[in-house]
Structures are given as C-alpha cells and as structure tokens.
Amino acid sequence: MKKYRGVFLKNDNELAFMKQANHIVFEILQTMGEAVRPGLATMHFEEIAQEMCKKYNVRPAFQGYGGFPYALCCAVNEEIVHGFPSVKRKLKEGDIISFDMGVIFEGFYGDAARTYPVGQISDRAAELLKLTAECLELGAAAAKPGNNLKDISAAVQRHAEAHGLGIVKRFVGHGVGVRLHEKPEIPNFVSSASPDLPLQPGMVLAIEPMLTLGTDEVNVLEDGWTAVTRDGSLAAHFEHSVAVTTKGPVILDN
C-alpha cells in the first residue's frame, strides 16, 4: 500500500477486499431499508445489523469505535448522524430514518449510509432525500484522476445550495481502508481551508453529504454522540465509499 501526500493508495488486491467489505454493507443497508415501516422500534435495525454481521462473518466497524456502543448509527428526522438505536423510539408514518453502517472484512473497512422514508412522507421530505442522494452521486462522479479533492466538495455544494438546503459543516467525509477514518477529510463545501489534493488512482474516499431543510448548525445530545439540527429541521445522510481508478470512479457499496 503506497502513500501519496499522507493518503494510502490501494492496489488491485486491496481494492478487491474493499469491494467485498462494502458489498456486505450494501446488503445490510438494503435489508434494513426493506424492513422500514411505521411501528418498528429503531433497535430492530440494530438487531438486523448484528445478525447480518454474524451471517457474513464480519465485525461491525462502529461498535466500540471511540466508545460507540452499537453496530449501527441510526438517525430519525432531525437527527443527523451517530444516533443510538432504541427500544423506545418507534417509527411513525412520515418519519425519515438514516442508517450509517460499517463492517471490517479481512482487515478492510466498508462504510456507507442511506436515508429511507417511513411510509408516506411529505413532498419536502421526499425532495430532501432525492436531492441529498443526487449530491452524493455528483460528488462521486467527480472522484476521478485529474480532478482535485475540491471538485468533489464543490459538486456537492453547488447542487445543495442551488436547492436551498443546509450543508452540515461539522461532519465531513474521509478516506477509508485499513482504518475507518483515513486521510483526507472530504468537506461537502469549499472554503479557504479546503484540502488541495489532486486525486490519484488507488484512493478510496467515503463521500457523505449530510443536508438539512434548515440550518447547518448542530447540537450534540447528552449521550455525547447523537447530532441533531439546532432548529429541529429534517436531515438526510447518504454515503458511498468510492475508489478512484484510471477508468474513473467506482462505487464500492453496490
């Protein structure tokens, strides 16, 4: 595994392991998404995550990371990320729920996130999900040699701001590989502090726009983990792990 400006570049064998890790994450997210319905406690999805990790003989990437107690980050409505599954929190018609899931397979990490509707949701909530997913795809499409890391950030920012969405700035994407969080950080916006990094084949980037229908300001709840929008507006979170290759970006979690 070579290094380029502090970023680990993966070879074809390492990318193959990462593809398998991320495909398992994809399968877990798909299964949880298909199970979403009103009346379920959010702990139900933690149970799915744990059962599927056992099925695939992988370790949950988040459980124990920095003291996080669960396999699954589960965020409902105004919760942005790092939410705890709960036996008390029951989904209601019109909610939206975000799942952020990671696994470790043969020493390599998979990491991805999706936001799902719970039954029939409002037009504005549906638009938030659609636009956040589109921001992710635009960011992923920019992950190609010859581009700069800033091109990913700019692609997300342009689409989000064009539709009046708040861009959460406190949390950013990251490199991923033999560690969950590797260099570089990948903001969903461009600023004077944005990393200036030409993209190289072998990079694997976890691109993850977190967008809101209101403020970009965040509060963290008393549990020390769950991040919520300060104004209580809805938030959505989508994430791909994307390999930069000579043929262009390759989404690994599919």
Protein backbone atom coordinates (compact mmCIF):
# COMPACT_ATOMS: atom_id res chain seq x y z
CA MET A 1 0.00 0.00 0.00
CA LYS A 2 1.68 3.20 -1.18
CA LYS A 3 1.27 6.65 0.30
CA TYR A 4 0.63 9.87 -1.60
CA ARG A 5 0.67 13.10 0.41
CA GLY A 6 -0.39 11.20 3.51
CA VAL A 7 -3.14 9.26 1.70
CA PHE A 8 -2.94 5.47 1.37
CA LEU A 9 -3.24 4.23 -2.24
CA LYS A 10 -4.75 0.77 -2.55
CA ASN A 11 -3.62 -1.79 -5.11
CA ASP A 12 -5.99 -4.06 -7.04
CA ASN A 13 -5.91 -6.83 -4.41
CA GLU A 14 -6.67 -4.40 -1.62
CA LEU A 15 -9.48 -2.83 -3.64
CA ALA A 16 -10.96 -6.28 -4.15
CA PHE A 17 -11.16 -6.77 -0.36
CA MET A 18 -12.68 -3.32 -0.01
CA LYS A 19 -15.24 -4.14 -2.67
CA GLN A 20 -16.30 -7.22 -0.71
CA ALA A 21 -16.48 -5.28 2.56
CA ASN A 22 -18.61 -2.58 1.01
CA HIS A 23 -20.86 -5.03 -0.78
CA ILE A 24 -21.68 -6.55 2.59
CA VAL A 25 -22.55 -3.08 3.88
CA PHE A 26 -24.76 -2.61 0.82
CA GLU A 27 -26.59 -5.85 1.57
CA ILE A 28 -27.15 -4.85 5.19
CA LEU A 29 -28.45 -1.41 4.22
CA GLN A 30 -30.75 -2.91 1.59
CA THR A 31 -32.17 -5.38 4.10
CA MET A 32 -32.77 -2.68 6.68
CA GLY A 33 -34.32 -0.37 4.10
CA GLU A 34 -36.77 -3.05 3.01
CA ALA A 35 -37.75 -3.60 6.65
CA VAL A 36 -38.59 0.04 7.39
CA ARG A 37 -42.22 0.57 8.35
CA PRO A 38 -44.25 2.51 10.92
CA GLY A 39 -44.42 1.00 14.38
CA LEU A 40 -40.96 -0.59 14.48
CA ALA A 41 -38.55 0.29 17.27
CA THR A 42 -35.24 1.50 15.87
CA MET A 43 -33.48 -1.23 17.89
CA HIS A 44 -34.94 -3.67 15.37
CA PHE A 45 -32.43 -2.42 12.81
CA GLU A 46 -29.52 -2.88 15.21
CA GLU A 47 -30.64 -6.49 15.53
CA ILE A 48 -30.65 -6.86 11.73
CA ALA A 49 -27.16 -5.35 11.54
CA GLN A 50 -25.78 -7.67 14.22
CA GLU A 51 -27.40 -10.77 12.70
CA MET A 52 -26.08 -9.97 9.22
CA CYS A 53 -22.56 -9.31 10.52
CA LYS A 54 -22.65 -12.81 12.00
CA LYS A 55 -24.02 -14.23 8.75
CA TYR A 56 -21.17 -12.72 6.73
CA ASN A 57 -18.57 -13.37 9.46
CA VAL A 58 -17.54 -9.71 9.67
CA ARG A 59 -17.10 -7.35 12.59
CA PRO A 60 -19.23 -4.22 13.00
CA ALA A 61 -16.90 -1.30 12.29
CA PHE A 62 -18.53 1.24 14.59
CA GLN A 63 -19.17 -0.81 17.71
CA GLY A 64 -16.52 0.12 20.24
CA TYR A 65 -15.04 2.81 17.96
CA GLY A 66 -14.33 5.70 20.32
CA GLY A 67 -16.71 4.04 22.74
CA PHE A 68 -19.71 3.96 20.38
CA PRO A 69 -21.94 1.18 21.80
CA TYR A 70 -23.76 -0.12 18.70
CA ALA A 71 -23.11 -1.63 15.28
CA LEU A 72 -25.48 0.83 13.63
CA CYS A 73 -25.74 4.61 13.59
CA CYS A 74 -29.48 5.23 13.36
CA ALA A 75 -30.85 8.79 12.95
CA VAL A 76 -34.53 9.80 12.75
CA ASN A 77 -35.87 13.10 11.38
CA GLU A 78 -33.85 15.98 12.92
CA GLU A 79 -31.07 13.58 13.94
CA ILE A 80 -28.19 13.89 11.51
CA VAL A 81 -25.72 11.16 12.41
CA HIS A 82 -24.36 8.97 15.24
CA GLY A 83 -27.80 8.29 16.69
CA PHE A 84 -28.39 5.33 19.01
CA PRO A 85 -30.87 2.58 18.14
CA SER A 86 -33.57 2.42 20.81
CA VAL A 87 -36.24 0.04 22.05
CA LYS A 88 -38.32 3.10 22.98
CA ARG A 89 -38.14 5.07 19.73
CA LYS A 90 -40.88 3.80 17.42
CA LEU A 91 -41.05 4.87 13.79
CA LYS A 92 -44.10 6.84 12.73
CA GLU A 93 -45.71 7.39 9.34
CA GLY A 94 -43.98 10.35 7.72
CA ASP A 95 -40.64 9.94 9.50
CA ILE A 96 -37.34 9.61 7.69
CA ILE A 97 -34.58 7.36 9.03
CA SER A 98 -30.86 7.33 8.22
CA PHE A 99 -28.69 4.24 8.58
CA ASP A 100 -24.89 4.58 8.66
CA MET A 101 -23.22 1.15 8.66
CA GLY A 102 -19.69 -0.16 8.54
CA VAL A 103 -18.01 -3.56 8.65
CA ILE A 104 -14.48 -4.95 8.81
CA PHE A 105 -13.72 -7.72 6.30
CA GLU A 106 -10.23 -9.27 6.17
CA GLY A 107 -8.83 -6.13 7.80
CA PHE A 108 -10.52 -3.67 5.43
CA TYR A 109 -13.42 -1.35 6.18
CA GLY A 110 -16.67 -0.88 4.33
CA ASP A 111 -18.69 2.26 5.09
CA ALA A 112 -21.92 3.60 3.59
CA ALA A 113 -25.16 5.33 4.55
CA ARG A 114 -28.71 5.75 3.24
CA THR A 115 -31.83 7.64 4.33
CA TYR A 116 -35.23 5.97 3.90
CA PRO A 117 -38.84 7.16 4.07
CA VAL A 118 -41.18 5.67 6.67
CA GLY A 119 -44.46 5.12 4.85
CA GLN A 120 -45.81 8.20 3.08
CA ILE A 121 -43.64 11.25 3.70
CA SER A 122 -44.14 14.92 2.88
CA ASP A 123 -43.17 16.30 -0.52
CA ARG A 124 -40.47 18.43 1.11
CA ALA A 125 -39.00 15.44 2.95
CA ALA A 126 -39.04 13.41 -0.27
CA GLU A 127 -37.24 16.25 -2.03
CA LEU A 128 -34.59 16.32 0.70
CA LEU A 129 -33.91 12.60 0.23
CA LYS A 130 -33.81 12.93 -3.56
CA LEU A 131 -31.50 15.94 -3.55
CA THR A 132 -29.12 14.51 -0.95
CA ALA A 133 -28.80 11.30 -2.97
CA GLU A 134 -28.17 13.40 -6.09
CA CYS A 135 -25.47 15.38 -4.26
CA LEU A 136 -23.77 12.12 -3.37
CA GLU A 137 -23.84 10.89 -6.96
CA LEU A 138 -22.46 14.21 -8.23
CA GLY A 139 -19.68 14.11 -5.65
CA ALA A 140 -18.85 10.52 -6.53
CA ALA A 141 -18.75 11.34 -10.25
CA ALA A 142 -16.07 13.95 -9.54
CA ALA A 143 -13.79 11.37 -7.88
CA LYS A 144 -11.52 10.77 -10.88
CA PRO A 145 -7.87 11.28 -11.73
CA GLY A 146 -7.15 14.77 -12.99
CA ASN A 147 -9.64 16.29 -10.60
CA ASN A 148 -8.90 17.79 -7.20
CA LEU A 149 -10.49 16.84 -3.90
CA LYS A 150 -12.12 20.29 -4.01
CA ASP A 151 -14.05 19.23 -7.12
CA ILE A 152 -15.93 16.65 -5.02
CA SER A 153 -16.76 19.24 -2.37
CA ALA A 154 -17.82 21.78 -4.98
CA ALA A 155 -20.11 19.33 -6.78
CA VAL A 156 -22.00 18.60 -3.56
CA GLN A 157 -22.13 22.24 -2.52
CA ARG A 158 -23.41 23.58 -5.85
CA HIS A 159 -26.35 21.19 -6.02
CA ALA A 160 -27.28 21.59 -2.36
CA GLU A 161 -27.15 25.37 -2.38
CA ALA A 162 -28.98 25.60 -5.70
CA HIS A 163 -31.95 23.98 -3.95
CA GLY A 164 -31.69 25.90 -0.69
CA LEU A 165 -30.50 23.04 1.50
CA GLY A 166 -28.35 23.48 4.59
CA ILE A 167 -24.94 21.79 4.39
CA VAL A 168 -23.78 20.33 7.70
CA LYS A 169 -20.19 21.52 8.10
CA ARG A 170 -19.30 19.91 11.41
CA PHE A 171 -19.08 16.42 9.87
CA VAL A 172 -17.17 15.54 6.70
CA GLY A 173 -16.26 12.55 4.56
CA HIS A 174 -12.91 10.80 4.81
CA GLY A 175 -10.53 8.31 3.34
CA VAL A 176 -11.20 4.69 4.24
CA GLY A 177 -9.19 1.47 4.04
CA VAL A 178 -7.41 -0.44 6.80
CA ARG A 179 -8.70 2.23 9.15
CA LEU A 180 -12.21 3.62 9.34
CA HIS A 181 -11.04 7.21 9.10
CA GLU A 182 -8.00 7.81 6.94
CA LYS A 183 -6.76 10.94 5.23
CA PRO A 184 -8.06 13.02 3.54
CA GLU A 185 -11.04 14.78 5.08
CA ILE A 186 -13.71 15.48 2.45
CA PRO A 187 -15.89 18.51 3.26
CA ASN A 188 -19.22 18.95 1.49
CA PHE A 189 -18.35 22.58 0.82
CA VAL A 190 -15.33 24.58 -0.39
CA SER A 191 -13.56 27.10 1.82
CA SER A 192 -10.13 28.65 2.14
CA ALA A 193 -9.25 25.74 4.43
CA SER A 194 -10.33 23.04 1.96
CA PRO A 195 -7.64 20.44 1.24
CA ASP A 196 -5.80 20.97 -2.06
CA LEU A 197 -5.25 17.40 -3.17
CA PRO A 198 -5.01 16.08 -6.74
CA LEU A 199 -6.88 12.78 -6.98
CA GLN A 200 -4.83 9.67 -7.72
CA PRO A 201 -5.78 6.09 -8.68
CA GLY A 202 -5.91 3.90 -5.59
CA MET A 203 -7.57 6.44 -3.32
CA VAL A 204 -10.75 5.26 -1.61
CA LEU A 205 -12.97 8.08 -0.42
CA ALA A 206 -16.04 7.90 1.82
CA ILE A 207 -18.12 10.74 0.41
CA GLU A 208 -21.08 11.58 2.64
CA PRO A 209 -23.27 14.66 2.21
CA MET A 210 -25.41 15.48 5.26
CA LEU A 211 -28.03 18.04 4.28
CA THR A 212 -30.93 19.71 6.05
CA LEU A 213 -34.12 21.58 5.29
CA GLY A 214 -32.97 24.39 7.57
CA THR A 215 -29.86 25.33 9.50
CA ASP A 216 -26.40 23.86 9.12
CA GLU A 217 -25.85 24.31 12.85
CA VAL A 218 -25.62 21.20 15.02
CA ASN A 219 -26.22 20.24 18.64
CA VAL A 220 -24.96 17.01 20.22
CA LEU A 221 -27.33 15.38 22.71
CA GLU A 222 -26.49 14.34 26.26
CA ASP A 223 -25.48 10.85 25.12
CA GLY A 224 -22.37 12.52 23.67
CA TRP A 225 -22.98 11.10 20.20
CA THR A 226 -26.34 11.91 18.61
CA ALA A 227 -26.04 15.02 16.42
CA VAL A 228 -29.25 16.94 15.68
CA THR A 229 -30.11 20.06 13.71
CA ARG A 230 -30.21 23.04 16.04
CA ASP A 231 -33.54 24.26 14.60
CA GLY A 232 -35.17 20.82 14.55
CA SER A 233 -35.32 20.67 10.75
CA LEU A 234 -35.14 17.35 8.90
CA ALA A 235 -31.72 15.98 7.93
CA ALA A 236 -30.67 13.34 5.39
CA HIS A 237 -27.41 11.41 5.08
CA PHE A 238 -26.15 9.41 2.10
CA GLU A 239 -22.67 7.90 1.75
CA HIS A 240 -20.67 5.90 -0.77
CA SER A 241 -17.17 4.50 -0.49
CA VAL A 242 -15.68 5.39 -3.87
CA ALA A 243 -12.46 4.12 -5.44
CA VAL A 244 -10.54 6.47 -7.71
CA THR A 245 -9.33 4.39 -10.68
CA THR A 246 -7.72 5.00 -14.06
CA LYS A 247 -11.14 4.27 -15.60
CA GLY A 248 -12.94 6.72 -13.35
CA PRO A 249 -14.81 6.49 -10.04
CA VAL A 250 -16.02 3.08 -8.87
CA ILE A 251 -18.72 2.95 -6.20
CA LEU A 252 -17.83 0.03 -3.94
CA ASP A 253 -21.06 -0.26 -1.92
CA ASN A 254 -23.32 -1.80 -4.55
